Amino acid sequence: MSTATATAPAQPPPPKRVTTRRARTRRRLLDSALEVFAEEGFGRSTVEQVCERAGYTRGAFYSNFTSLDELFLAMWEERSTRLLADVRAALDEVSAAAPEDAVRAALRAIPVDDAWYRVTAEFTAHALRNPALRRVMAAREQAIQDAVLPAVVAALGRTGRRVTDEDALGQALVAVHDGTAVQVLLDPGSEAVLARRETLFLHVLQAYSTATS
């Protein structure tokens, strides 16, 4: 019989406390990185450039992020959380009216941002060359879709329409958003482009839903 004393399994170290100073440093790095990525391009940006813009050392960067990839993913998660909250709030206000109300409410909550679009387009191209990073992005895209679809389905339900294939609707809405965002950015201020964007979203909602009565 063994006389060894049983020991409890090692516990993971407690998470680092996020101090006000640390949170401020992280916030400044994220904001500065977006500016650098938008100006230089993600693939040409360096940790040094982000640190210089933020006014911090490399040590400050690496105490918050392990790489520019991780920094971007943190930035994306933060913006996605905010966007989802705005979309849900907008769709919750849609009453039993025409489907157009749901589209307009959602589009108001999803502004087309020039700098953010350039950064995400370049990071997506970067991720497509990295299988592990590509899987992370795909999973996060799916999580966003899964989070916002219930609000879309509920809003359509209040307008008297039932979604027949939620996954297909989600993919179609993402495709329309990405495609029309380019058109909006290429012709900024065009009311005609914005109107066609709204109409296309309406067509997608109607194509993937049926009237309940």
N, C-alpha and C. Protein backbone atom coordinates (compact mmCIF):
# COMPACT_ATOMS: atom_id res chain seq x y z
N MET A 1 0.84 -1.20 0.00
CA MET A 1 0.00 0.00 0.00
C MET A 1 0.88 1.25 0.00
N SER A 2 0.57 2.17 -0.85
CA SER A 2 1.39 3.37 -0.95
C SER A 2 1.21 4.24 0.27
N THR A 3 2.32 4.81 0.71
CA THR A 3 2.26 5.73 1.86
C THR A 3 2.30 7.19 1.43
N ALA A 4 2.25 7.40 0.09
CA ALA A 4 2.30 8.78 -0.42
C ALA A 4 1.06 9.54 0.02
N THR A 5 1.24 10.75 0.38
CA THR A 5 0.12 11.59 0.80
C THR A 5 -0.58 12.17 -0.41
N ALA A 6 -1.90 11.96 -0.48
CA ALA A 6 -2.68 12.51 -1.61
C ALA A 6 -2.70 14.02 -1.52
N THR A 7 -2.58 14.64 -2.65
CA THR A 7 -2.62 16.10 -2.71
C THR A 7 -3.74 16.55 -3.62
N ALA A 8 -4.32 17.66 -3.30
CA ALA A 8 -5.39 18.21 -4.13
C ALA A 8 -4.82 18.68 -5.45
N PRO A 9 -5.61 18.58 -6.51
CA PRO A 9 -5.11 19.05 -7.81
C PRO A 9 -4.79 20.53 -7.77
N ALA A 10 -3.75 20.87 -8.50
CA ALA A 10 -3.33 22.28 -8.53
C ALA A 10 -4.44 23.15 -9.06
N GLN A 11 -4.65 24.26 -8.43
CA GLN A 11 -5.67 25.21 -8.86
C GLN A 11 -5.05 26.25 -9.79
N PRO A 12 -5.80 26.67 -10.82
CA PRO A 12 -5.25 27.71 -11.70
C PRO A 12 -5.06 29.00 -10.95
N PRO A 13 -4.07 29.77 -11.33
CA PRO A 13 -3.83 31.04 -10.63
C PRO A 13 -5.02 31.96 -10.80
N PRO A 14 -5.32 32.78 -9.82
CA PRO A 14 -6.45 33.70 -9.94
C PRO A 14 -6.20 34.70 -11.07
N PRO A 15 -7.26 35.13 -11.74
CA PRO A 15 -7.07 36.08 -12.84
C PRO A 15 -6.50 37.40 -12.33
N LYS A 16 -5.72 38.04 -13.18
CA LYS A 16 -5.14 39.32 -12.79
C LYS A 16 -6.25 40.35 -12.58
N ARG A 17 -6.09 41.10 -11.51
CA ARG A 17 -7.06 42.16 -11.24
C ARG A 17 -6.86 43.29 -12.25
N VAL A 18 -7.96 43.70 -12.85
CA VAL A 18 -7.89 44.76 -13.84
C VAL A 18 -7.97 46.09 -13.11
N THR A 19 -6.85 46.74 -12.95
CA THR A 19 -6.83 48.03 -12.28
C THR A 19 -7.28 49.12 -13.23
N THR A 20 -7.59 50.27 -12.66
CA THR A 20 -8.00 51.41 -13.49
C THR A 20 -6.89 51.79 -14.46
N ARG A 21 -5.66 51.75 -13.97
CA ARG A 21 -4.53 52.10 -14.83
C ARG A 21 -4.38 51.10 -15.96
N ARG A 22 -4.50 49.81 -15.64
CA ARG A 22 -4.38 48.77 -16.67
C ARG A 22 -5.49 48.91 -17.71
N ALA A 23 -6.70 49.16 -17.24
CA ALA A 23 -7.83 49.32 -18.16
C ALA A 23 -7.61 50.53 -19.07
N ARG A 24 -7.05 51.61 -18.52
CA ARG A 24 -6.79 52.80 -19.32
C ARG A 24 -5.71 52.53 -20.36
N THR A 25 -4.69 51.78 -19.97
CA THR A 25 -3.62 51.43 -20.91
C THR A 25 -4.18 50.58 -22.05
N ARG A 26 -4.96 49.60 -21.69
CA ARG A 26 -5.55 48.71 -22.69
C ARG A 26 -6.45 49.49 -23.65
N ARG A 27 -7.24 50.41 -23.10
CA ARG A 27 -8.14 51.21 -23.93
C ARG A 27 -7.36 52.06 -24.92
N ARG A 28 -6.28 52.65 -24.46
CA ARG A 28 -5.48 53.52 -25.33
C ARG A 28 -4.78 52.71 -26.42
N LEU A 29 -4.32 51.51 -26.07
CA LEU A 29 -3.69 50.65 -27.07
C LEU A 29 -4.69 50.24 -28.14
N LEU A 30 -5.90 49.89 -27.74
CA LEU A 30 -6.93 49.49 -28.70
C LEU A 30 -7.28 50.64 -29.64
N ASP A 31 -7.48 51.83 -29.07
CA ASP A 31 -7.83 52.98 -29.90
C ASP A 31 -6.69 53.36 -30.85
N SER A 32 -5.47 53.31 -30.35
CA SER A 32 -4.33 53.66 -31.19
C SER A 32 -4.11 52.63 -32.29
N ALA A 33 -4.33 51.37 -31.96
CA ALA A 33 -4.16 50.32 -32.95
C ALA A 33 -5.13 50.48 -34.11
N LEU A 34 -6.37 50.84 -33.81
CA LEU A 34 -7.33 51.03 -34.89
C LEU A 34 -6.86 52.13 -35.84
N GLU A 35 -6.33 53.21 -35.29
CA GLU A 35 -5.83 54.30 -36.13
C GLU A 35 -4.66 53.83 -36.99
N VAL A 36 -3.73 53.11 -36.37
CA VAL A 36 -2.55 52.64 -37.11
C VAL A 36 -2.95 51.64 -38.18
N PHE A 37 -3.81 50.67 -37.83
CA PHE A 37 -4.25 49.67 -38.80
C PHE A 37 -4.95 50.33 -39.99
N ALA A 38 -5.79 51.32 -39.70
CA ALA A 38 -6.54 51.97 -40.78
C ALA A 38 -5.62 52.78 -41.69
N GLU A 39 -4.59 53.39 -41.12
CA GLU A 39 -3.69 54.24 -41.90
C GLU A 39 -2.64 53.41 -42.65
N GLU A 40 -2.06 52.44 -41.98
CA GLU A 40 -0.93 51.70 -42.54
C GLU A 40 -1.33 50.39 -43.21
N GLY A 41 -2.47 49.84 -42.80
CA GLY A 41 -2.83 48.50 -43.23
C GLY A 41 -2.40 47.51 -42.18
N PHE A 42 -3.24 46.51 -41.89
CA PHE A 42 -2.91 45.59 -40.82
C PHE A 42 -1.58 44.88 -41.07
N GLY A 43 -1.37 44.42 -42.29
CA GLY A 43 -0.17 43.65 -42.59
C GLY A 43 1.12 44.45 -42.49
N ARG A 44 1.04 45.77 -42.59
CA ARG A 44 2.24 46.62 -42.52
C ARG A 44 2.42 47.28 -41.15
N SER A 45 1.44 47.08 -40.27
CA SER A 45 1.52 47.69 -38.94
C SER A 45 2.42 46.87 -38.03
N THR A 46 3.05 47.54 -37.08
CA THR A 46 3.95 46.87 -36.14
C THR A 46 3.55 47.23 -34.71
N VAL A 47 4.02 46.41 -33.78
CA VAL A 47 3.80 46.69 -32.37
C VAL A 47 4.41 48.04 -32.01
N GLU A 48 5.58 48.33 -32.57
CA GLU A 48 6.25 49.60 -32.28
C GLU A 48 5.40 50.80 -32.70
N GLN A 49 4.75 50.70 -33.86
CA GLN A 49 3.91 51.80 -34.33
C GLN A 49 2.73 52.02 -33.40
N VAL A 50 2.12 50.93 -32.96
CA VAL A 50 0.99 51.05 -32.04
C VAL A 50 1.44 51.66 -30.72
N CYS A 51 2.58 51.22 -30.21
CA CYS A 51 3.10 51.76 -28.95
C CYS A 51 3.43 53.24 -29.07
N GLU A 52 4.05 53.60 -30.19
CA GLU A 52 4.40 55.01 -30.39
C GLU A 52 3.15 55.87 -30.44
N ARG A 53 2.11 55.40 -31.14
CA ARG A 53 0.88 56.18 -31.23
C ARG A 53 0.21 56.30 -29.86
N ALA A 54 0.27 55.23 -29.08
CA ALA A 54 -0.37 55.25 -27.77
C ALA A 54 0.46 55.94 -26.70
N GLY A 55 1.77 56.08 -26.97
CA GLY A 55 2.65 56.68 -25.99
C GLY A 55 3.11 55.72 -24.92
N TYR A 56 3.20 54.43 -25.28
CA TYR A 56 3.62 53.40 -24.33
C TYR A 56 4.83 52.64 -24.87
N THR A 57 5.41 51.83 -23.99
CA THR A 57 6.54 50.99 -24.37
C THR A 57 6.04 49.62 -24.84
N ARG A 58 6.96 48.85 -25.41
CA ARG A 58 6.61 47.48 -25.81
C ARG A 58 6.20 46.65 -24.59
N GLY A 59 6.79 46.96 -23.44
CA GLY A 59 6.41 46.24 -22.23
C GLY A 59 4.95 46.43 -21.89
N ALA A 60 4.45 47.65 -22.07
CA ALA A 60 3.04 47.92 -21.80
C ALA A 60 2.16 47.14 -22.76
N PHE A 61 2.61 47.04 -24.02
CA PHE A 61 1.83 46.29 -25.00
C PHE A 61 1.76 44.82 -24.60
N TYR A 62 2.92 44.23 -24.33
CA TYR A 62 2.96 42.79 -24.08
C TYR A 62 2.42 42.40 -22.70
N SER A 63 2.18 43.37 -21.86
CA SER A 63 1.51 43.06 -20.59
C SER A 63 0.00 42.97 -20.79
N ASN A 64 -0.48 43.38 -21.98
CA ASN A 64 -1.91 43.34 -22.28
C ASN A 64 -2.25 42.39 -23.42
N PHE A 65 -1.35 42.25 -24.39
CA PHE A 65 -1.62 41.42 -25.57
C PHE A 65 -0.36 40.63 -25.93
N THR A 66 -0.56 39.45 -26.47
CA THR A 66 0.59 38.65 -26.89
C THR A 66 1.01 38.96 -28.32
N SER A 67 0.11 39.56 -29.11
CA SER A 67 0.39 39.82 -30.52
C SER A 67 -0.62 40.82 -31.06
N LEU A 68 -0.36 41.30 -32.27
CA LEU A 68 -1.33 42.17 -32.95
C LEU A 68 -2.59 41.40 -33.29
N ASP A 69 -2.45 40.10 -33.58
CA ASP A 69 -3.63 39.27 -33.83
C ASP A 69 -4.57 39.29 -32.63
N GLU A 70 -4.01 39.06 -31.45
CA GLU A 70 -4.83 39.04 -30.24
C GLU A 70 -5.46 40.40 -29.98
N LEU A 71 -4.69 41.46 -30.23
CA LEU A 71 -5.23 42.81 -30.05
C LEU A 71 -6.42 43.03 -30.97
N PHE A 72 -6.29 42.64 -32.24
CA PHE A 72 -7.41 42.84 -33.16
C PHE A 72 -8.62 42.05 -32.72
N LEU A 73 -8.44 40.80 -32.30
CA LEU A 73 -9.56 39.98 -31.88
C LEU A 73 -10.26 40.59 -30.66
N ALA A 74 -9.49 41.19 -29.76
CA ALA A 74 -10.09 41.87 -28.62
C ALA A 74 -10.90 43.08 -29.08
N MET A 75 -10.34 43.80 -30.04
CA MET A 75 -11.03 44.96 -30.60
C MET A 75 -12.34 44.54 -31.27
N TRP A 76 -12.26 43.44 -32.02
CA TRP A 76 -13.44 42.93 -32.73
C TRP A 76 -14.51 42.48 -31.75
N GLU A 77 -14.11 41.77 -30.71
CA GLU A 77 -15.08 41.29 -29.72
C GLU A 77 -15.78 42.46 -29.04
N GLU A 78 -15.01 43.48 -28.73
CA GLU A 78 -15.57 44.66 -28.07
C GLU A 78 -16.60 45.35 -28.96
N ARG A 79 -16.24 45.57 -30.22
CA ARG A 79 -17.15 46.24 -31.14
C ARG A 79 -18.37 45.36 -31.42
N SER A 80 -18.18 44.06 -31.53
CA SER A 80 -19.29 43.15 -31.79
C SER A 80 -20.29 43.18 -30.64
N THR A 81 -19.79 43.19 -29.42
CA THR A 81 -20.68 43.24 -28.25
C THR A 81 -21.52 44.50 -28.26
N ARG A 82 -20.88 45.61 -28.58
CA ARG A 82 -21.60 46.89 -28.63
C ARG A 82 -22.62 46.90 -29.77
N LEU A 83 -22.23 46.37 -30.92
CA LEU A 83 -23.13 46.33 -32.08
C LEU A 83 -24.35 45.45 -31.79
N LEU A 84 -24.12 44.28 -31.19
CA LEU A 84 -25.23 43.38 -30.89
C LEU A 84 -26.22 44.04 -29.94
N ALA A 85 -25.70 44.74 -28.96
CA ALA A 85 -26.59 45.42 -28.02
C ALA A 85 -27.42 46.48 -28.72
N ASP A 86 -26.79 47.23 -29.64
CA ASP A 86 -27.51 48.27 -30.38
C ASP A 86 -28.58 47.67 -31.30
N VAL A 87 -28.23 46.57 -31.98
CA VAL A 87 -29.19 45.94 -32.89
C VAL A 87 -30.37 45.38 -32.11
N ARG A 88 -30.10 44.70 -31.01
CA ARG A 88 -31.19 44.15 -30.21
C ARG A 88 -32.11 45.25 -29.71
N ALA A 89 -31.52 46.34 -29.23
CA ALA A 89 -32.33 47.44 -28.72
C ALA A 89 -33.20 48.03 -29.82
N ALA A 90 -32.63 48.16 -31.02
CA ALA A 90 -33.39 48.72 -32.14
C ALA A 90 -34.53 47.79 -32.55
N LEU A 91 -34.25 46.49 -32.63
CA LEU A 91 -35.27 45.54 -33.07
C LEU A 91 -36.34 45.32 -32.01
N ASP A 92 -35.99 45.49 -30.75
CA ASP A 92 -36.98 45.34 -29.69
C ASP A 92 -38.08 46.40 -29.78
N GLU A 93 -37.76 47.50 -30.44
CA GLU A 93 -38.73 48.58 -30.57
C GLU A 93 -39.67 48.40 -31.76
N VAL A 94 -39.41 47.39 -32.59
CA VAL A 94 -40.26 47.15 -33.76
C VAL A 94 -41.57 46.55 -33.29
N SER A 95 -42.66 47.17 -33.69
CA SER A 95 -43.98 46.69 -33.30
C SER A 95 -44.62 45.95 -34.46
N ALA A 96 -45.87 45.59 -34.31
CA ALA A 96 -46.58 44.85 -35.36
C ALA A 96 -46.88 45.80 -36.52
N ALA A 97 -45.86 46.12 -37.26
CA ALA A 97 -46.00 47.01 -38.41
C ALA A 97 -45.38 46.33 -39.61
N ALA A 98 -44.99 47.11 -40.62
CA ALA A 98 -44.40 46.54 -41.83
C ALA A 98 -42.97 46.09 -41.58
N PRO A 99 -42.49 45.06 -42.32
CA PRO A 99 -41.10 44.61 -42.17
C PRO A 99 -40.08 45.72 -42.40
N GLU A 100 -40.46 46.74 -43.15
CA GLU A 100 -39.54 47.84 -43.41
C GLU A 100 -39.04 48.48 -42.11
N ASP A 101 -39.90 48.48 -41.09
CA ASP A 101 -39.49 49.08 -39.82
C ASP A 101 -38.33 48.32 -39.20
N ALA A 102 -38.37 46.99 -39.31
CA ALA A 102 -37.30 46.17 -38.75
C ALA A 102 -35.99 46.43 -39.48
N VAL A 103 -36.05 46.55 -40.80
CA VAL A 103 -34.84 46.80 -41.59
C VAL A 103 -34.25 48.15 -41.24
N ARG A 104 -35.06 49.17 -41.23
CA ARG A 104 -34.56 50.52 -40.94
C ARG A 104 -33.97 50.59 -39.54
N ALA A 105 -34.63 49.94 -38.58
CA ALA A 105 -34.13 49.95 -37.21
C ALA A 105 -32.76 49.28 -37.13
N ALA A 106 -32.62 48.13 -37.79
CA ALA A 106 -31.35 47.40 -37.74
C ALA A 106 -30.25 48.17 -38.46
N LEU A 107 -30.55 48.74 -39.61
CA LEU A 107 -29.52 49.47 -40.37
C LEU A 107 -29.05 50.71 -39.63
N ARG A 108 -29.94 51.35 -38.90
CA ARG A 108 -29.53 52.50 -38.10
C ARG A 108 -28.54 52.08 -37.02
N ALA A 109 -28.67 50.84 -36.57
CA ALA A 109 -27.80 50.35 -35.49
C ALA A 109 -26.49 49.77 -36.01
N ILE A 110 -26.35 49.63 -37.34
CA ILE A 110 -25.13 49.07 -37.92
C ILE A 110 -24.54 50.07 -38.91
N PRO A 111 -23.88 51.09 -38.43
CA PRO A 111 -23.30 52.08 -39.35
C PRO A 111 -22.16 51.48 -40.16
N VAL A 112 -21.99 51.97 -41.36
CA VAL A 112 -20.88 51.54 -42.21
C VAL A 112 -19.70 52.44 -41.91
N ASP A 113 -18.67 51.88 -41.31
CA ASP A 113 -17.50 52.63 -40.85
C ASP A 113 -16.33 52.37 -41.79
N ASP A 114 -15.84 53.41 -42.43
CA ASP A 114 -14.77 53.28 -43.42
C ASP A 114 -13.52 52.65 -42.82
N ALA A 115 -13.03 53.22 -41.72
CA ALA A 115 -11.79 52.73 -41.12
C ALA A 115 -11.95 51.28 -40.66
N TRP A 116 -13.05 50.98 -39.99
CA TRP A 116 -13.26 49.63 -39.48
C TRP A 116 -13.38 48.62 -40.62
N TYR A 117 -14.03 49.02 -41.71
CA TYR A 117 -14.18 48.09 -42.84
C TYR A 117 -12.80 47.77 -43.44
N ARG A 118 -11.96 48.79 -43.60
CA ARG A 118 -10.63 48.55 -44.17
C ARG A 118 -9.82 47.60 -43.28
N VAL A 119 -9.89 47.82 -41.97
CA VAL A 119 -9.12 46.99 -41.04
C VAL A 119 -9.63 45.56 -41.06
N THR A 120 -10.94 45.37 -40.99
CA THR A 120 -11.48 44.01 -40.95
C THR A 120 -11.25 43.27 -42.26
N ALA A 121 -11.32 43.98 -43.39
CA ALA A 121 -11.09 43.33 -44.68
C ALA A 121 -9.65 42.82 -44.75
N GLU A 122 -8.71 43.62 -44.29
CA GLU A 122 -7.31 43.21 -44.33
C GLU A 122 -7.03 42.09 -43.33
N PHE A 123 -7.66 42.16 -42.17
CA PHE A 123 -7.43 41.10 -41.18
C PHE A 123 -8.05 39.78 -41.66
N THR A 124 -9.18 39.86 -42.34
CA THR A 124 -9.80 38.65 -42.87
C THR A 124 -8.88 37.99 -43.89
N ALA A 125 -8.28 38.79 -44.76
CA ALA A 125 -7.33 38.24 -45.74
C ALA A 125 -6.15 37.60 -45.02
N HIS A 126 -5.69 38.24 -43.95
CA HIS A 126 -4.59 37.69 -43.15
C HIS A 126 -5.00 36.36 -42.52
N ALA A 127 -6.22 36.30 -41.98
CA ALA A 127 -6.69 35.08 -41.32
C ALA A 127 -6.87 33.93 -42.30
N LEU A 128 -7.23 34.23 -43.53
CA LEU A 128 -7.42 33.18 -44.53
C LEU A 128 -6.12 32.45 -44.85
N ARG A 129 -5.00 33.07 -44.54
CA ARG A 129 -3.70 32.44 -44.76
C ARG A 129 -3.23 31.65 -43.53
N ASN A 130 -4.01 31.71 -42.46
CA ASN A 130 -3.63 31.06 -41.21
C ASN A 130 -4.80 30.19 -40.76
N PRO A 131 -4.71 28.87 -40.96
CA PRO A 131 -5.85 27.99 -40.66
C PRO A 131 -6.38 28.13 -39.23
N ALA A 132 -5.50 28.23 -38.24
CA ALA A 132 -5.95 28.33 -36.86
C ALA A 132 -6.71 29.64 -36.63
N LEU A 133 -6.18 30.73 -37.16
CA LEU A 133 -6.83 32.02 -37.00
C LEU A 133 -8.14 32.06 -37.79
N ARG A 134 -8.15 31.42 -38.95
CA ARG A 134 -9.37 31.35 -39.75
C ARG A 134 -10.49 30.65 -38.97
N ARG A 135 -10.15 29.59 -38.24
CA ARG A 135 -11.16 28.89 -37.46
C ARG A 135 -11.69 29.76 -36.32
N VAL A 136 -10.79 30.54 -35.72
CA VAL A 136 -11.22 31.45 -34.67
C VAL A 136 -12.20 32.48 -35.21
N MET A 137 -11.89 33.05 -36.36
CA MET A 137 -12.77 34.05 -36.96
C MET A 137 -14.11 33.44 -37.35
N ALA A 138 -14.09 32.25 -37.93
CA ALA A 138 -15.33 31.60 -38.33
C ALA A 138 -16.22 31.34 -37.12
N ALA A 139 -15.61 30.90 -36.03
CA ALA A 139 -16.37 30.63 -34.82
C ALA A 139 -16.98 31.92 -34.26
N ARG A 140 -16.23 32.99 -34.31
CA ARG A 140 -16.74 34.26 -33.77
C ARG A 140 -17.85 34.82 -34.67
N GLU A 141 -17.68 34.68 -35.97
CA GLU A 141 -18.74 35.12 -36.89
C GLU A 141 -20.03 34.35 -36.62
N GLN A 142 -19.90 33.03 -36.40
CA GLN A 142 -21.07 32.22 -36.12
C GLN A 142 -21.71 32.62 -34.80
N ALA A 143 -20.88 32.94 -33.81
CA ALA A 143 -21.41 33.35 -32.51
C ALA A 143 -22.20 34.66 -32.62
N ILE A 144 -21.69 35.58 -33.43
CA ILE A 144 -22.40 36.85 -33.63
C ILE A 144 -23.73 36.60 -34.32
N GLN A 145 -23.70 35.76 -35.35
CA GLN A 145 -24.93 35.44 -36.08
C GLN A 145 -25.95 34.78 -35.15
N ASP A 146 -25.48 33.84 -34.34
CA ASP A 146 -26.38 33.14 -33.42
C ASP A 146 -26.96 34.08 -32.38
N ALA A 147 -26.20 35.11 -32.01
CA ALA A 147 -26.66 36.04 -30.98
C ALA A 147 -27.69 37.03 -31.51
N VAL A 148 -27.55 37.45 -32.77
CA VAL A 148 -28.45 38.48 -33.28
C VAL A 148 -29.69 37.90 -33.96
N LEU A 149 -29.62 36.67 -34.45
CA LEU A 149 -30.75 36.10 -35.19
C LEU A 149 -32.05 36.03 -34.37
N PRO A 150 -31.99 35.63 -33.10
CA PRO A 150 -33.25 35.60 -32.34
C PRO A 150 -33.98 36.94 -32.32
N ALA A 151 -33.23 38.03 -32.25
CA ALA A 151 -33.86 39.36 -32.26
C ALA A 151 -34.48 39.65 -33.61
N VAL A 152 -33.82 39.23 -34.70
CA VAL A 152 -34.36 39.42 -36.05
C VAL A 152 -35.63 38.60 -36.23
N VAL A 153 -35.56 37.34 -35.81
CA VAL A 153 -36.71 36.45 -35.95
C VAL A 153 -37.90 36.97 -35.14
N ALA A 154 -37.62 37.42 -33.93
CA ALA A 154 -38.70 37.94 -33.09
C ALA A 154 -39.32 39.19 -33.69
N ALA A 155 -38.48 40.08 -34.24
CA ALA A 155 -38.99 41.30 -34.86
C ALA A 155 -39.86 40.97 -36.07
N LEU A 156 -39.41 40.01 -36.88
CA LEU A 156 -40.22 39.60 -38.03
C LEU A 156 -41.53 38.98 -37.57
N GLY A 157 -41.46 38.21 -36.47
CA GLY A 157 -42.68 37.61 -35.95
C GLY A 157 -43.71 38.64 -35.56
N ARG A 158 -43.23 39.77 -35.03
CA ARG A 158 -44.17 40.83 -34.65
C ARG A 158 -44.76 41.53 -35.86
N THR A 159 -44.15 41.35 -37.02
CA THR A 159 -44.71 41.93 -38.25
C THR A 159 -45.54 40.91 -39.02
N GLY A 160 -45.72 39.72 -38.43
CA GLY A 160 -46.56 38.72 -39.07
C GLY A 160 -45.85 37.80 -40.04
N ARG A 161 -44.53 37.63 -39.84
CA ARG A 161 -43.77 36.75 -40.73
C ARG A 161 -42.99 35.73 -39.92
N ARG A 162 -42.85 34.51 -40.47
CA ARG A 162 -42.15 33.42 -39.82
C ARG A 162 -40.93 33.04 -40.65
N VAL A 163 -39.78 32.92 -39.99
CA VAL A 163 -38.54 32.56 -40.68
C VAL A 163 -38.51 31.05 -40.88
N THR A 164 -38.24 30.63 -42.12
CA THR A 164 -38.27 29.20 -42.44
C THR A 164 -36.91 28.53 -42.29
N ASP A 165 -35.81 29.28 -42.40
CA ASP A 165 -34.46 28.71 -42.27
C ASP A 165 -33.57 29.80 -41.66
N GLU A 166 -33.39 29.73 -40.35
CA GLU A 166 -32.66 30.79 -39.65
C GLU A 166 -31.19 30.87 -40.08
N ASP A 167 -30.54 29.72 -40.26
CA ASP A 167 -29.13 29.74 -40.67
C ASP A 167 -28.96 30.38 -42.04
N ALA A 168 -29.84 30.03 -42.96
CA ALA A 168 -29.75 30.60 -44.31
C ALA A 168 -30.02 32.10 -44.27
N LEU A 169 -30.98 32.52 -43.46
CA LEU A 169 -31.26 33.95 -43.33
C LEU A 169 -30.05 34.68 -42.79
N GLY A 170 -29.44 34.13 -41.76
CA GLY A 170 -28.27 34.78 -41.17
C GLY A 170 -27.14 34.94 -42.17
N GLN A 171 -26.85 33.90 -42.94
CA GLN A 171 -25.78 33.97 -43.93
C GLN A 171 -26.11 34.98 -45.02
N ALA A 172 -27.37 35.02 -45.43
CA ALA A 172 -27.78 35.96 -46.47
C ALA A 172 -27.67 37.40 -45.98
N LEU A 173 -28.05 37.65 -44.74
CA LEU A 173 -27.96 39.01 -44.20
C LEU A 173 -26.52 39.47 -44.09
N VAL A 174 -25.62 38.56 -43.67
CA VAL A 174 -24.20 38.91 -43.58
C VAL A 174 -23.66 39.24 -44.97
N ALA A 175 -24.04 38.42 -45.97
CA ALA A 175 -23.56 38.64 -47.34
C ALA A 175 -24.04 39.98 -47.87
N VAL A 176 -25.29 40.31 -47.62
CA VAL A 176 -25.84 41.58 -48.10
C VAL A 176 -25.16 42.75 -47.39
N HIS A 177 -24.97 42.61 -46.09
CA HIS A 177 -24.31 43.70 -45.34
C HIS A 177 -22.91 43.95 -45.88
N ASP A 178 -22.12 42.88 -46.02
CA ASP A 178 -20.74 43.04 -46.47
C ASP A 178 -20.66 43.62 -47.88
N GLY A 179 -21.51 43.12 -48.75
CA GLY A 179 -21.48 43.57 -50.14
C GLY A 179 -21.93 45.01 -50.30
N THR A 180 -23.02 45.37 -49.66
CA THR A 180 -23.53 46.73 -49.81
C THR A 180 -22.68 47.74 -49.04
N ALA A 181 -21.97 47.28 -48.01
CA ALA A 181 -21.09 48.20 -47.28
C ALA A 181 -20.02 48.75 -48.22
N VAL A 182 -19.49 47.91 -49.08
CA VAL A 182 -18.49 48.36 -50.05
C VAL A 182 -19.09 49.42 -50.96
N GLN A 183 -20.31 49.20 -51.42
CA GLN A 183 -20.95 50.16 -52.31
C GLN A 183 -21.18 51.50 -51.62
N VAL A 184 -21.59 51.44 -50.36
CA VAL A 184 -21.80 52.68 -49.60
C VAL A 184 -20.49 53.45 -49.43
N LEU A 185 -19.41 52.72 -49.15
CA LEU A 185 -18.12 53.38 -48.94
C LEU A 185 -17.55 53.94 -50.24
N LEU A 186 -17.82 53.27 -51.36
CA LEU A 186 -17.31 53.76 -52.64
C LEU A 186 -18.08 54.98 -53.14
N ASP A 187 -19.31 55.14 -52.68
CA ASP A 187 -20.12 56.28 -53.11
C ASP A 187 -20.76 56.92 -51.88
N PRO A 188 -19.93 57.49 -51.00
CA PRO A 188 -20.44 58.04 -49.74
C PRO A 188 -21.43 59.18 -49.97
N GLY A 189 -22.48 59.18 -49.17
CA GLY A 189 -23.46 60.24 -49.27
C GLY A 189 -24.53 60.01 -50.31
N SER A 190 -24.44 58.92 -51.06
CA SER A 190 -25.43 58.64 -52.11
C SER A 190 -26.72 58.10 -51.49
N GLU A 191 -27.79 58.84 -51.62
CA GLU A 191 -29.08 58.38 -51.11
C GLU A 191 -29.58 57.18 -51.92
N ALA A 192 -29.24 57.14 -53.20
CA ALA A 192 -29.68 56.03 -54.04
C ALA A 192 -29.06 54.72 -53.59
N VAL A 193 -27.77 54.75 -53.26
CA VAL A 193 -27.08 53.54 -52.79
C VAL A 193 -27.68 53.07 -51.47
N LEU A 194 -27.94 54.00 -50.56
CA LEU A 194 -28.54 53.64 -49.27
C LEU A 194 -29.93 53.06 -49.45
N ALA A 195 -30.69 53.62 -50.39
CA ALA A 195 -32.04 53.11 -50.64
C ALA A 195 -31.99 51.70 -51.21
N ARG A 196 -31.05 51.45 -52.13
CA ARG A 196 -30.93 50.10 -52.70
C ARG A 196 -30.47 49.11 -51.64
N ARG A 197 -29.63 49.55 -50.72
CA ARG A 197 -29.18 48.70 -49.62
C ARG A 197 -30.37 48.27 -48.77
N GLU A 198 -31.21 49.23 -48.45
CA GLU A 198 -32.41 48.93 -47.65
C GLU A 198 -33.35 47.99 -48.39
N THR A 199 -33.53 48.24 -49.68
CA THR A 199 -34.42 47.39 -50.48
C THR A 199 -33.91 45.97 -50.56
N LEU A 200 -32.60 45.81 -50.71
CA LEU A 200 -32.03 44.47 -50.82
C LEU A 200 -32.20 43.70 -49.51
N PHE A 201 -32.02 44.38 -48.39
CA PHE A 201 -32.26 43.72 -47.10
C PHE A 201 -33.72 43.27 -47.00
N LEU A 202 -34.64 44.10 -47.46
CA LEU A 202 -36.05 43.74 -47.42
C LEU A 202 -36.34 42.51 -48.26
N HIS A 203 -35.73 42.45 -49.44
CA HIS A 203 -35.93 41.29 -50.31
C HIS A 203 -35.44 40.02 -49.64
N VAL A 204 -34.30 40.11 -48.95
CA VAL A 204 -33.75 38.93 -48.27
C VAL A 204 -34.69 38.49 -47.14
N LEU A 205 -35.17 39.43 -46.35
CA LEU A 205 -36.08 39.09 -45.26
C LEU A 205 -37.36 38.42 -45.79
N GLN A 206 -37.87 38.92 -46.89
CA GLN A 206 -39.07 38.35 -47.47
C GLN A 206 -38.80 36.97 -48.08
N ALA A 207 -37.62 36.82 -48.68
CA ALA A 207 -37.29 35.54 -49.33
C ALA A 207 -37.11 34.42 -48.31
N TYR A 208 -36.65 34.75 -47.12
CA TYR A 208 -36.38 33.72 -46.11
C TYR A 208 -37.43 33.68 -45.01
N SER A 209 -38.60 34.26 -45.26
CA SER A 209 -39.69 34.19 -44.30
C SER A 209 -41.01 34.10 -45.05
N THR A 210 -42.02 33.67 -44.34
CA THR A 210 -43.36 33.54 -44.94
C THR A 210 -44.38 34.22 -44.04
N ALA A 211 -45.46 34.67 -44.66
CA ALA A 211 -46.54 35.30 -43.88
C ALA A 211 -47.23 34.25 -43.03
N THR A 212 -47.53 34.61 -41.79
CA THR A 212 -48.17 33.66 -40.88
C THR A 212 -49.68 33.61 -41.06
N SER A 213 -50.23 34.53 -41.84
CA SER A 213 -51.70 34.51 -42.03
C SER A 213 -52.03 34.92 -43.46
